[in-house]
Structures are given as C-alpha cells and as structure tokens.
Amino acid sequence: MRIFVTGATGYVGRVATELALAKGHTVRGLSRGKEGDAKLGALGATAVRGDLTTLEVLRQESAQAEAVLHLAFIHDFTMDFEEVLRIDAAAVDALAEPLRATQKPFVITSGTAVVDPDPSGGETAEDAPLAQTFILRHRIRSERHALRLSEGSVRVSAIRLPPYVYGRGGSYFLPMLMQMAAKAGESVYVGDGGLRTSGVHVDDAAALYLLAASKAKAGDVFNGSGESVTLRQMAEAIGAALQLPARSVSREEAQAIWGEFLAAFVLFENRPSNRKAVQQLGWQPKGIAMLTDIRSGSYREMAAKLRQSK
C-alpha cells in the first residue's frame, strides 16, 4: 500500500514507518523541517514538508494514499489545550475528506487513560466509562470527533495507547521519571506503590497500527496495551538502573519532585485490556517487558549517562 503517516518523525510514528517499509509498503511521512526529512530519508520513506496546520498538504497526501495513519499530536503542555484540540480536529477533517466512500483505512491515535479505572481494580475495556478526573481526559474529544466520521462513510478506527509506550531507549514520560530520579537522588512512589499503570513496547504499538489499517472496521476502537505494572515496581526498576534507592513518599512529596502535571499523570490508575485487539486483529505483543527494559535493556545507555551526570 501507499501509506501516508502524520507523526512519522516521532517516537511511535518512526517505528510504524520503519515496519511498514519492511513489509513492502511505500510510505510518505509528514515532516516539519530538514531534520525530519533526513530521518525519513534514512529509513527509505519520502518526506512531505508540512504540519497539522497545512491542511491542503494533508488533503493532497490523503487523496493519493491507500491508507492514512494519524499519529501526530501537539504535545506542548504549555499550550492552550482547546487550541490543540481545534488544530487536531481540523487536521483530521482534512485527512478524512478524500477518504469518504473509498473504504481506505484511516487510523487515528488516542489514549487508554480516557476511561476511568475499574472500581474493583480489574482491567478496563474500550467501552468503560469515560475518565472524569484524568488531567488529559479531554483528549477523548479528539477521538470522538474522528470516530464520528464513520457516519460519513470514512473507514476510521482508533488506537488507544497506554501511558507508557517504551523501548529502543526512547519515549517521553519514562525518561522524564528517570531524569527526575537522578536529580532527586532517589526513585519515588506514592504510598504502598500498589497503584497500577500500563505500557506497551513501541514495536508492538507500531505493529498494531498496521493491523488496524488492514483489518479494522469503521468506528472500531482498540486498546494498544501490553503489560500492567505497579508504580512501586516501576520506581524500583528505575532505581536499580540508576543505582539509587526507591522510597515511598506522600503525594505532596511526589508533586514537589515531579511537578503537578507529571504527578497527576503518574498517579492515575490505568489497567486496560488488550483482548479486543488480540482477538479481532490477531495482535500479538511480544516486546521485552518494560521493567526488564528499564533495568537491563534499551535504557542502559540513558541510565549510564544519568549516573555520570550526578
């Protein structure tokens, strides 16, 4: 297939591009500058200069593609989130316009934390009640806006990624926690550390986008989650990697170390089930476990640099 990927120079998008190319697809990826052009060229993809506001570029690329993967999102948390949502909605509309009544797949990105945790501590499915307190709960509006396009004959589906996409020594929130632990001289968790969160290896996440492009129906939503871990397990793995102690702290102490935003993100319970993706799409997550990857896998180099910088 000819695939157009937004966010192709980002963490998950670059791996999805790499995997698509390895499977024989042709990929054109959105790039905001020369650095992105070089990254995509090195993979064997064609760079398309633009961003989420260059709507005519998005329409043209979508019209020429046989599948569209939308992984780009503005992750500037200092920006007005209403504006972030407006930009994403306009970009989704532009990408979807040429896809109407074509049955060409349009796969968009959301998050598993848009739903509330199960009151009994169990796993949550895609139809669980929506989150009422999560700091990024309004991301659901982007998902809903995109999925409504299925009513207009667009074959749109959504992949919900868990809080911690990890692997290849990258990601966003996991390295941030490692950096803050190195700065504080300890790796912390709140209370007994029993609160559970979830992750998925970036290679597994990328594979899920391609499966959705191949098999998902209009309006489908899939949790792209791998394993569930406790905050204490994650803190201890970070501590082991950095050769630092792991310690229980109060929520207030955690906020002083992490800041209000990151503390609210980390302390939201998230334990999604991937059963639907496994059963309907044949997805088989097989990446290295997150705790192992932190302790002795792809984050070793980052941990070594952080230990040296102390």
C-alpha atoms as a PDB file:
ATOM      1  CA  MET A   1       0.000   0.000   0.000  1.00  0.00           C
ATOM      2  CA  ARG A   2       0.867   3.653  -0.315  1.00  0.00           C
ATOM      3  CA  ILE A   3       0.667   4.890   3.274  1.00  0.00           C
ATOM      4  CA  PHE A   4       0.683   8.488   4.496  1.00  0.00           C
ATOM      5  CA  VAL A   5       1.841   8.899   8.100  1.00  0.00           C
ATOM      6  CA  THR A   6       1.490  12.018  10.232  1.00  0.00           C
ATOM      7  CA  GLY A   7       3.901  11.999  13.168  1.00  0.00           C
ATOM      8  CA  ALA A   8       6.251   9.892  11.043  1.00  0.00           C
ATOM      9  CA  THR A   9       9.311  11.552  12.602  1.00  0.00           C
ATOM     10  CA  GLY A  10       8.038  10.971  16.154  1.00  0.00           C
ATOM     11  CA  TYR A  11       8.674   8.113  18.536  1.00  0.00           C
ATOM     12  CA  VAL A  12       5.903   5.700  17.547  1.00  0.00           C
ATOM     13  CA  GLY A  13       5.439   7.074  14.037  1.00  0.00           C
ATOM     14  CA  ARG A  14       9.026   6.466  13.053  1.00  0.00           C
ATOM     15  CA  VAL A  15       8.818   2.812  14.135  1.00  0.00           C
ATOM     16  CA  ALA A  16       5.483   2.417  12.313  1.00  0.00           C
ATOM     17  CA  THR A  17       7.143   3.868   9.208  1.00  0.00           C
ATOM     18  CA  GLU A  18      10.098   1.505   9.556  1.00  0.00           C
ATOM     19  CA  LEU A  19       7.801  -1.518   9.971  1.00  0.00           C
ATOM     20  CA  ALA A  20       5.588  -0.517   7.035  1.00  0.00           C
ATOM     21  CA  LEU A  21       8.616  -0.205   4.783  1.00  0.00           C
ATOM     22  CA  ALA A  22       9.926  -3.579   5.950  1.00  0.00           C
ATOM     23  CA  LYS A  23       6.602  -5.107   4.904  1.00  0.00           C
ATOM     24  CA  GLY A  24       6.940  -3.698   1.404  1.00  0.00           C
ATOM     25  CA  HIS A  25       4.666  -0.685   1.700  1.00  0.00           C
ATOM     26  CA  THR A  26       5.520   2.752   0.322  1.00  0.00           C
ATOM     27  CA  VAL A  27       5.488   5.472   2.984  1.00  0.00           C
ATOM     28  CA  ARG A  28       5.191   9.235   2.721  1.00  0.00           C
ATOM     29  CA  GLY A  29       5.648  10.930   6.077  1.00  0.00           C
ATOM     30  CA  LEU A  30       4.841  14.407   7.321  1.00  0.00           C
ATOM     31  CA  SER A  31       7.976  16.379   8.234  1.00  0.00           C
ATOM     32  CA  ARG A  32       8.336  19.867   9.687  1.00  0.00           C
ATOM     33  CA  GLY A  33      11.924  20.502   8.642  1.00  0.00           C
ATOM     34  CA  LYS A  34      15.287  19.316   7.395  1.00  0.00           C
ATOM     35  CA  GLU A  35      15.969  17.134  10.436  1.00  0.00           C
ATOM     36  CA  GLY A  36      12.720  15.254   9.889  1.00  0.00           C
ATOM     37  CA  ASP A  37      13.438  14.972   6.178  1.00  0.00           C
ATOM     38  CA  ALA A  38      16.772  13.325   6.976  1.00  0.00           C
ATOM     39  CA  LYS A  39      15.224  10.882   9.458  1.00  0.00           C
ATOM     40  CA  LEU A  40      12.612   9.733   6.963  1.00  0.00           C
ATOM     41  CA  GLY A  41      15.078   9.569   4.101  1.00  0.00           C
ATOM     42  CA  ALA A  42      17.377   7.355   6.168  1.00  0.00           C
ATOM     43  CA  LEU A  43      14.501   4.932   6.680  1.00  0.00           C
ATOM     44  CA  GLY A  44      13.628   4.861   2.997  1.00  0.00           C
ATOM     45  CA  ALA A  45      10.434   6.936   3.264  1.00  0.00           C
ATOM     46  CA  THR A  46       9.554  10.092   1.337  1.00  0.00           C
ATOM     47  CA  ALA A  47       9.348  13.255   3.429  1.00  0.00           C
ATOM     48  CA  VAL A  48       6.405  15.602   2.890  1.00  0.00           C
ATOM     49  CA  ARG A  49       7.009  19.092   4.251  1.00  0.00           C
ATOM     50  CA  GLY A  50       4.165  20.341   6.422  1.00  0.00           C
ATOM     51  CA  ASP A  51       2.457  20.117   9.816  1.00  0.00           C
ATOM     52  CA  LEU A  52      -1.021  19.778  11.260  1.00  0.00           C
ATOM     53  CA  THR A  53      -1.964  23.274  10.116  1.00  0.00           C
ATOM     54  CA  THR A  54      -1.033  22.827   6.434  1.00  0.00           C
ATOM     55  CA  LEU A  55      -4.442  21.465   5.590  1.00  0.00           C
ATOM     56  CA  GLU A  56      -4.097  21.444   1.817  1.00  0.00           C
ATOM     57  CA  VAL A  57      -0.947  19.318   2.103  1.00  0.00           C
ATOM     58  CA  LEU A  58      -2.853  16.882   4.320  1.00  0.00           C
ATOM     59  CA  ARG A  59      -5.736  16.672   1.825  1.00  0.00           C
ATOM     60  CA  GLN A  60      -3.422  16.095  -1.120  1.00  0.00           C
ATOM     61  CA  GLU A  61      -1.433  13.370   0.611  1.00  0.00           C
ATOM     62  CA  SER A  62      -4.540  11.625   1.893  1.00  0.00           C
ATOM     63  CA  ALA A  63      -6.065  11.677  -1.584  1.00  0.00           C
ATOM     64  CA  GLN A  64      -3.003   9.943  -3.033  1.00  0.00           C
ATOM     65  CA  ALA A  65      -2.656   7.386  -0.227  1.00  0.00           C
ATOM     66  CA  GLU A  66      -4.251   3.981   0.145  1.00  0.00           C
ATOM     67  CA  ALA A  67      -4.076   4.196   3.935  1.00  0.00           C
ATOM     68  CA  VAL A  68      -3.575   7.062   6.399  1.00  0.00           C
ATOM     69  CA  LEU A  69      -2.049   6.678   9.873  1.00  0.00           C
ATOM     70  CA  HIS A  70      -2.533   9.758  12.042  1.00  0.00           C
ATOM     71  CA  LEU A  71      -0.006   9.700  14.894  1.00  0.00           C
ATOM     72  CA  ALA A  72       0.845  13.407  15.113  1.00  0.00           C
ATOM     73  CA  PHE A  73      -0.436  15.404  18.081  1.00  0.00           C
ATOM     74  CA  ILE A  74       0.769  18.614  19.694  1.00  0.00           C
ATOM     75  CA  HIS A  75       2.424  17.612  22.985  1.00  0.00           C
ATOM     76  CA  ASP A  76       3.181  21.160  24.141  1.00  0.00           C
ATOM     77  CA  PHE A  77       1.573  21.093  27.578  1.00  0.00           C
ATOM     78  CA  THR A  78       2.076  24.853  27.992  1.00  0.00           C
ATOM     79  CA  MET A  79      -0.219  25.480  25.028  1.00  0.00           C
ATOM     80  CA  ASP A  80      -3.957  26.125  25.412  1.00  0.00           C
ATOM     81  CA  PHE A  81      -5.432  22.625  25.131  1.00  0.00           C
ATOM     82  CA  GLU A  82      -8.561  23.958  23.417  1.00  0.00           C
ATOM     83  CA  GLU A  83      -6.325  25.200  20.606  1.00  0.00           C
ATOM     84  CA  VAL A  84      -4.524  21.854  20.474  1.00  0.00           C
ATOM     85  CA  LEU A  85      -7.869  20.070  20.068  1.00  0.00           C
ATOM     86  CA  ARG A  86      -9.038  22.574  17.440  1.00  0.00           C
ATOM     87  CA  ILE A  87      -5.886  22.054  15.362  1.00  0.00           C
ATOM     88  CA  ASP A  88      -6.186  18.277  15.587  1.00  0.00           C
ATOM     89  CA  ALA A  89      -9.855  18.324  14.596  1.00  0.00           C
ATOM     90  CA  ALA A  90      -9.145  20.472  11.539  1.00  0.00           C
ATOM     91  CA  ALA A  91      -6.286  18.186  10.523  1.00  0.00           C
ATOM     92  CA  VAL A  92      -8.471  15.082  10.932  1.00  0.00           C
ATOM     93  CA  ASP A  93     -11.212  16.657   8.800  1.00  0.00           C
ATOM     94  CA  ALA A  94      -8.694  17.497   6.075  1.00  0.00           C
ATOM     95  CA  LEU A  95      -7.256  13.972   6.086  1.00  0.00           C
ATOM     96  CA  ALA A  96     -10.705  12.385   6.071  1.00  0.00           C
ATOM     97  CA  GLU A  97     -12.223  14.439   3.253  1.00  0.00           C
ATOM     98  CA  PRO A  98     -10.634  12.484   0.361  1.00  0.00           C
ATOM     99  CA  LEU A  99     -11.316   9.148   2.099  1.00  0.00           C
ATOM    100  CA  ARG A 100     -15.119   9.352   2.112  1.00  0.00           C
ATOM    101  CA  ALA A 101     -16.815   6.366   0.492  1.00  0.00           C
ATOM    102  CA  THR A 102     -13.453   4.834  -0.506  1.00  0.00           C
ATOM    103  CA  GLN A 103     -13.069   2.157   2.208  1.00  0.00           C
ATOM    104  CA  LYS A 104      -9.450   3.263   2.559  1.00  0.00           C
ATOM    105  CA  PRO A 105      -8.358   2.893   6.210  1.00  0.00           C
ATOM    106  CA  PHE A 106      -7.825   5.946   8.394  1.00  0.00           C
ATOM    107  CA  VAL A 107      -6.256   5.048  11.773  1.00  0.00           C
ATOM    108  CA  ILE A 108      -6.091   7.746  14.463  1.00  0.00           C
ATOM    109  CA  THR A 109      -4.429   7.878  17.889  1.00  0.00           C
ATOM    110  CA  SER A 110      -5.964   8.177  21.341  1.00  0.00           C
ATOM    111  CA  GLY A 111      -5.094   7.015  24.878  1.00  0.00           C
ATOM    112  CA  THR A 112      -6.239   4.269  27.229  1.00  0.00           C
ATOM    113  CA  ALA A 113      -6.460   6.780  30.094  1.00  0.00           C
ATOM    114  CA  VAL A 114      -9.562   8.381  28.582  1.00  0.00           C
ATOM    115  CA  VAL A 115     -11.567   5.902  30.700  1.00  0.00           C
ATOM    116  CA  ASP A 116     -11.856   5.671  34.461  1.00  0.00           C
ATOM    117  CA  PRO A 117     -10.136   2.808  36.315  1.00  0.00           C
ATOM    118  CA  ASP A 118     -12.229  -0.188  37.259  1.00  0.00           C
ATOM    119  CA  PRO A 119     -13.573   0.315  40.829  1.00  0.00           C
ATOM    120  CA  SER A 120     -12.521  -3.225  41.799  1.00  0.00           C
ATOM    121  CA  GLY A 121      -9.027  -2.899  40.320  1.00  0.00           C
ATOM    122  CA  GLY A 122      -9.711  -5.052  37.281  1.00  0.00           C
ATOM    123  CA  GLU A 123      -8.979  -4.399  33.629  1.00  0.00           C
ATOM    124  CA  THR A 124     -10.996  -1.913  31.589  1.00  0.00           C
ATOM    125  CA  ALA A 125     -12.402  -2.442  28.106  1.00  0.00           C
ATOM    126  CA  GLU A 126     -12.787   0.118  25.345  1.00  0.00           C
ATOM    127  CA  ASP A 127     -16.420   0.801  26.346  1.00  0.00           C
ATOM    128  CA  ALA A 128     -15.640   1.555  30.022  1.00  0.00           C
ATOM    129  CA  PRO A 129     -16.999   4.828  31.496  1.00  0.00           C
ATOM    130  CA  LEU A 130     -15.018   7.874  30.459  1.00  0.00           C
ATOM    131  CA  ALA A 131     -12.476   9.412  32.817  1.00  0.00           C
ATOM    132  CA  GLN A 132     -13.731  12.279  34.963  1.00  0.00           C
ATOM    133  CA  THR A 133     -10.519  13.385  36.680  1.00  0.00           C
ATOM    134  CA  PHE A 134      -7.541  12.467  34.460  1.00  0.00           C
ATOM    135  CA  ILE A 135      -5.513  15.550  33.589  1.00  0.00           C
ATOM    136  CA  LEU A 136      -5.644  14.767  29.831  1.00  0.00           C
ATOM    137  CA  ARG A 137      -9.216  13.453  29.853  1.00  0.00           C
ATOM    138  CA  HIS A 138     -10.319  15.925  27.176  1.00  0.00           C
ATOM    139  CA  ARG A 139      -8.227  14.009  24.619  1.00  0.00           C
ATOM    140  CA  ILE A 140     -11.387  11.910  24.211  1.00  0.00           C
ATOM    141  CA  ARG A 141     -12.859  14.807  22.253  1.00  0.00           C
ATOM    142  CA  SER A 142     -10.278  14.257  19.501  1.00  0.00           C
ATOM    143  CA  GLU A 143     -11.120  10.565  19.372  1.00  0.00           C
ATOM    144  CA  ARG A 144     -14.867  11.185  19.271  1.00  0.00           C
ATOM    145  CA  HIS A 145     -14.519  13.844  16.592  1.00  0.00           C
ATOM    146  CA  ALA A 146     -12.591  11.428  14.391  1.00  0.00           C
ATOM    147  CA  LEU A 147     -14.877   8.441  15.006  1.00  0.00           C
ATOM    148  CA  ARG A 148     -17.964  10.451  14.082  1.00  0.00           C
ATOM    149  CA  LEU A 149     -16.538  10.499  10.562  1.00  0.00           C
ATOM    150  CA  SER A 150     -17.513   6.826  10.290  1.00  0.00           C
ATOM    151  CA  GLU A 151     -21.093   8.098   9.996  1.00  0.00           C
ATOM    152  CA  GLY A 152     -19.959   9.889   6.834  1.00  0.00           C
ATOM    153  CA  SER A 153     -18.617   6.724   5.186  1.00  0.00           C
ATOM    154  CA  VAL A 154     -14.992   7.091   6.353  1.00  0.00           C
ATOM    155  CA  ARG A 155     -13.343   3.842   7.495  1.00  0.00           C
ATOM    156  CA  VAL A 156     -11.834   5.423  10.610  1.00  0.00           C
ATOM    157  CA  SER A 157     -10.582   3.459  13.626  1.00  0.00           C
ATOM    158  CA  ALA A 158      -8.741   4.456  16.804  1.00  0.00           C
ATOM    159  CA  ILE A 159      -5.743   3.027  18.626  1.00  0.00           C
ATOM    160  CA  ARG A 160      -5.602   3.932  22.308  1.00  0.00           C
ATOM    161  CA  LEU A 161      -2.016   3.892  23.531  1.00  0.00           C
ATOM    162  CA  PRO A 162      -1.233   3.338  27.239  1.00  0.00           C
ATOM    163  CA  PRO A 163       0.582   5.925  29.400  1.00  0.00           C
ATOM    164  CA  TYR A 164       3.998   4.312  28.894  1.00  0.00           C
ATOM    165  CA  VAL A 165       4.998   3.440  25.345  1.00  0.00           C
ATOM    166  CA  TYR A 166       8.594   2.298  25.818  1.00  0.00           C
ATOM    167  CA  GLY A 167      11.521   0.633  24.089  1.00  0.00           C
ATOM    168  CA  ARG A 168      14.521   1.483  21.939  1.00  0.00           C
ATOM    169  CA  GLY A 169      15.733   3.749  24.742  1.00  0.00           C
ATOM    170  CA  GLY A 170      13.095   6.344  23.887  1.00  0.00           C
ATOM    171  CA  SER A 171       9.635   7.504  24.955  1.00  0.00           C
ATOM    172  CA  TYR A 172       8.564  10.616  26.858  1.00  0.00           C
ATOM    173  CA  PHE A 173       7.281  10.077  30.382  1.00  0.00           C
ATOM    174  CA  LEU A 174       9.591   7.184  31.297  1.00  0.00           C
ATOM    175  CA  PRO A 175      12.818   9.093  30.525  1.00  0.00           C
ATOM    176  CA  MET A 176      11.339  12.064  32.384  1.00  0.00           C
ATOM    177  CA  LEU A 177      10.864   9.931  35.513  1.00  0.00           C
ATOM    178  CA  MET A 178      14.421   8.619  35.153  1.00  0.00           C
ATOM    179  CA  GLN A 179      15.805  12.155  34.855  1.00  0.00           C
ATOM    180  CA  MET A 180      13.874  13.349  37.899  1.00  0.00           C
ATOM    181  CA  ALA A 181      15.009  10.351  39.943  1.00  0.00           C
ATOM    182  CA  ALA A 182      18.624  11.088  39.030  1.00  0.00           C
ATOM    183  CA  LYS A 183      18.181  14.729  40.028  1.00  0.00           C
ATOM    184  CA  ALA A 184      16.457  13.842  43.333  1.00  0.00           C
ATOM    185  CA  GLY A 185      18.936  11.083  44.194  1.00  0.00           C
ATOM    186  CA  GLU A 186      16.136   8.591  44.706  1.00  0.00           C
ATOM    187  CA  SER A 187      13.317   6.931  42.798  1.00  0.00           C
ATOM    188  CA  VAL A 188       9.970   7.518  44.480  1.00  0.00           C
ATOM    189  CA  TYR A 189       6.486   6.045  44.510  1.00  0.00           C
ATOM    190  CA  VAL A 190       3.424   7.148  46.464  1.00  0.00           C
ATOM    191  CA  GLY A 191       2.092   5.238  49.440  1.00  0.00           C
ATOM    192  CA  ASP A 192       2.452   1.470  49.090  1.00  0.00           C
ATOM    193  CA  GLY A 193       3.066   1.873  45.353  1.00  0.00           C
ATOM    194  CA  GLY A 194       0.249  -0.534  44.545  1.00  0.00           C
ATOM    195  CA  LEU A 195      -1.449   1.722  42.000  1.00  0.00           C
ATOM    196  CA  ARG A 196      -1.273   0.059  38.572  1.00  0.00           C
ATOM    197  CA  THR A 197      -0.425   1.566  35.219  1.00  0.00           C
ATOM    198  CA  SER A 198       0.265   0.109  31.798  1.00  0.00           C
ATOM    199  CA  GLY A 199       2.763   0.145  28.976  1.00  0.00           C
ATOM    200  CA  VAL A 200       3.445  -1.260  25.525  1.00  0.00           C
ATOM    201  CA  HIS A 201       6.648  -1.758  23.574  1.00  0.00           C
ATOM    202  CA  VAL A 202       6.941   0.719  20.723  1.00  0.00           C
ATOM    203  CA  ASP A 203       7.448  -2.071  18.178  1.00  0.00           C
ATOM    204  CA  ASP A 204       4.216  -3.729  19.293  1.00  0.00           C
ATOM    205  CA  ALA A 205       2.370  -0.410  19.128  1.00  0.00           C
ATOM    206  CA  ALA A 206       3.622   0.176  15.584  1.00  0.00           C
ATOM    207  CA  ALA A 207       2.503  -3.305  14.527  1.00  0.00           C
ATOM    208  CA  LEU A 208      -0.991  -2.601  15.850  1.00  0.00           C
ATOM    209  CA  TYR A 209      -1.415   0.437  13.575  1.00  0.00           C
ATOM    210  CA  LEU A 210      -0.659  -1.664  10.513  1.00  0.00           C
ATOM    211  CA  LEU A 211      -3.044  -4.410  11.653  1.00  0.00           C
ATOM    212  CA  ALA A 212      -5.787  -1.820  12.148  1.00  0.00           C
ATOM    213  CA  ALA A 213      -5.134  -0.431   8.678  1.00  0.00           C
ATOM    214  CA  SER A 214      -5.560  -3.930   7.300  1.00  0.00           C
ATOM    215  CA  LYS A 215      -8.451  -5.298   9.362  1.00  0.00           C
ATOM    216  CA  ALA A 216     -10.278  -2.658  11.449  1.00  0.00           C
ATOM    217  CA  LYS A 217     -13.836  -1.671  10.612  1.00  0.00           C
ATOM    218  CA  ALA A 218     -15.245   1.857  10.626  1.00  0.00           C
ATOM    219  CA  GLY A 219     -15.778   3.034  14.206  1.00  0.00           C
ATOM    220  CA  ASP A 220     -13.538   0.409  15.836  1.00  0.00           C
ATOM    221  CA  VAL A 221     -11.531   1.334  18.955  1.00  0.00           C
ATOM    222  CA  PHE A 222      -8.676  -0.811  20.271  1.00  0.00           C
ATOM    223  CA  ASN A 223      -6.625  -0.674  23.469  1.00  0.00           C
ATOM    224  CA  GLY A 224      -2.999  -0.969  22.383  1.00  0.00           C
ATOM    225  CA  SER A 225      -1.775  -2.007  25.821  1.00  0.00           C
ATOM    226  CA  GLY A 226       0.763  -4.626  26.786  1.00  0.00           C
ATOM    227  CA  GLU A 227       1.512  -5.342  30.424  1.00  0.00           C
ATOM    228  CA  SER A 228       0.349  -3.824  33.683  1.00  0.00           C
ATOM    229  CA  VAL A 229       2.842  -2.854  36.413  1.00  0.00           C
ATOM    230  CA  THR A 230       2.636  -1.166  39.801  1.00  0.00           C
ATOM    231  CA  LEU A 231       4.206   2.207  40.487  1.00  0.00           C
ATOM    232  CA  ARG A 232       6.456   0.592  43.074  1.00  0.00           C
ATOM    233  CA  GLN A 233       7.730  -1.936  40.517  1.00  0.00           C
ATOM    234  CA  MET A 234       8.449   0.853  38.065  1.00  0.00           C
ATOM    235  CA  ALA A 235      10.166   3.003  40.706  1.00  0.00           C
ATOM    236  CA  GLU A 236      12.308   0.074  41.844  1.00  0.00           C
ATOM    237  CA  ALA A 237      13.303  -0.726  38.256  1.00  0.00           C
ATOM    238  CA  ILE A 238      14.321   2.903  37.698  1.00  0.00           C
ATOM    239  CA  GLY A 239      16.203   2.884  40.990  1.00  0.00           C
ATOM    240  CA  ALA A 240      18.055  -0.303  40.022  1.00  0.00           C
ATOM    241  CA  ALA A 241      19.010   1.136  36.634  1.00  0.00           C
ATOM    242  CA  LEU A 242      20.301   4.357  38.206  1.00  0.00           C
ATOM    243  CA  GLN A 243      21.769   2.631  41.273  1.00  0.00           C
ATOM    244  CA  LEU A 244      19.526   4.708  43.527  1.00  0.00           C
ATOM    245  CA  PRO A 245      17.231   3.771  46.402  1.00  0.00           C
ATOM    246  CA  ALA A 246      13.472   3.537  45.829  1.00  0.00           C
ATOM    247  CA  ARG A 247      11.375   5.188  48.543  1.00  0.00           C
ATOM    248  CA  SER A 248       7.719   5.640  49.422  1.00  0.00           C
ATOM    249  CA  VAL A 249       6.635   9.275  49.686  1.00  0.00           C
ATOM    250  CA  SER A 250       3.417  11.204  50.200  1.00  0.00           C
ATOM    251  CA  ARG A 251       1.515  12.644  47.248  1.00  0.00           C
ATOM    252  CA  GLU A 252       2.704  16.109  48.273  1.00  0.00           C
ATOM    253  CA  GLU A 253       6.338  14.985  48.250  1.00  0.00           C
ATOM    254  CA  ALA A 254       5.848  13.411  44.831  1.00  0.00           C
ATOM    255  CA  GLN A 255       4.371  16.639  43.481  1.00  0.00           C
ATOM    256  CA  ALA A 256       7.397  18.555  44.775  1.00  0.00           C
ATOM    257  CA  ILE A 257       9.718  16.198  42.864  1.00  0.00           C
ATOM    258  CA  TRP A 258       7.669  15.633  39.686  1.00  0.00           C
ATOM    259  CA  GLY A 259       5.631  18.806  39.439  1.00  0.00           C
ATOM    260  CA  GLU A 260       1.843  18.988  39.471  1.00  0.00           C
ATOM    261  CA  PHE A 261       1.255  17.862  35.866  1.00  0.00           C
ATOM    262  CA  LEU A 262       3.524  14.801  35.904  1.00  0.00           C
ATOM    263  CA  ALA A 263       2.283  13.781  39.359  1.00  0.00           C
ATOM    264  CA  ALA A 264      -1.334  13.878  38.129  1.00  0.00           C
ATOM    265  CA  PHE A 265      -0.331  11.802  35.085  1.00  0.00           C
ATOM    266  CA  VAL A 266       1.659   9.194  37.029  1.00  0.00           C
ATOM    267  CA  LEU A 267      -0.900   8.827  39.808  1.00  0.00           C
ATOM    268  CA  PHE A 268      -3.854   7.991  37.552  1.00  0.00           C
ATOM    269  CA  GLU A 269      -4.596   4.272  37.628  1.00  0.00           C
ATOM    270  CA  ASN A 270      -4.750   2.654  34.194  1.00  0.00           C
ATOM    271  CA  ARG A 271      -5.145  -1.073  33.546  1.00  0.00           C
ATOM    272  CA  PRO A 272      -6.671  -1.598  30.078  1.00  0.00           C
ATOM    273  CA  SER A 273      -7.415  -4.957  28.488  1.00  0.00           C
ATOM    274  CA  ASN A 274      -5.986  -5.670  25.037  1.00  0.00           C
ATOM    275  CA  ARG A 275      -8.331  -8.624  24.486  1.00  0.00           C
ATOM    276  CA  LYS A 276     -10.245  -6.931  21.656  1.00  0.00           C
ATOM    277  CA  ALA A 277      -7.105  -6.142  19.638  1.00  0.00           C
ATOM    278  CA  VAL A 278      -5.753  -9.649  20.188  1.00  0.00           C
ATOM    279  CA  GLN A 279      -8.978 -11.399  19.218  1.00  0.00           C
ATOM    280  CA  GLN A 280     -10.202  -9.193  16.365  1.00  0.00           C
ATOM    281  CA  LEU A 281      -6.933  -8.092  14.783  1.00  0.00           C
ATOM    282  CA  GLY A 282      -4.673 -11.007  15.705  1.00  0.00           C
ATOM    283  CA  TRP A 283      -2.292  -8.652  17.544  1.00  0.00           C
ATOM    284  CA  GLN A 284       0.445 -10.448  19.486  1.00  0.00           C
ATOM    285  CA  PRO A 285       2.519  -8.132  21.712  1.00  0.00           C
ATOM    286  CA  LYS A 286       5.953  -9.706  22.130  1.00  0.00           C
ATOM    287  CA  GLY A 287       8.349  -6.891  23.035  1.00  0.00           C
ATOM    288  CA  ILE A 288      10.669  -7.086  26.042  1.00  0.00           C
ATOM    289  CA  ALA A 289       8.885  -6.429  29.358  1.00  0.00           C
ATOM    290  CA  MET A 290       9.036  -2.791  30.478  1.00  0.00           C
ATOM    291  CA  LEU A 291      10.688  -3.477  33.845  1.00  0.00           C
ATOM    292  CA  THR A 292      13.354  -5.628  32.191  1.00  0.00           C
ATOM    293  CA  ASP A 293      13.930  -2.994  29.523  1.00  0.00           C
ATOM    294  CA  ILE A 294      14.460  -0.337  32.207  1.00  0.00           C
ATOM    295  CA  ARG A 295      16.801  -2.456  34.314  1.00  0.00           C
ATOM    296  CA  SER A 296      18.932  -4.100  31.657  1.00  0.00           C
ATOM    297  CA  GLY A 297      17.589  -3.355  28.187  1.00  0.00           C
ATOM    298  CA  SER A 298      17.440  -0.362  25.890  1.00  0.00           C
ATOM    299  CA  TYR A 299      17.568   2.212  28.715  1.00  0.00           C
ATOM    300  CA  ARG A 300      21.025   1.158  29.912  1.00  0.00           C
ATOM    301  CA  GLU A 301      22.778   3.902  27.956  1.00  0.00           C
ATOM    302  CA  MET A 302      20.436   6.591  29.268  1.00  0.00           C
ATOM    303  CA  ALA A 303      20.856   5.294  32.821  1.00  0.00           C
ATOM    304  CA  ALA A 304      24.645   5.297  32.486  1.00  0.00           C
ATOM    305  CA  LYS A 305      24.646   8.920  31.322  1.00  0.00           C
ATOM    306  CA  LEU A 306      22.345   9.967  34.155  1.00  0.00           C
ATOM    307  CA  ARG A 307      24.576   8.203  36.711  1.00  0.00           C
ATOM    308  CA  GLN A 308      27.615  10.031  35.347  1.00  0.00           C
ATOM    309  CA  SER A 309      25.847  13.392  35.489  1.00  0.00           C
ATOM    310  CA  LYS A 310      25.011  13.133  39.205  1.00  0.00           C
END
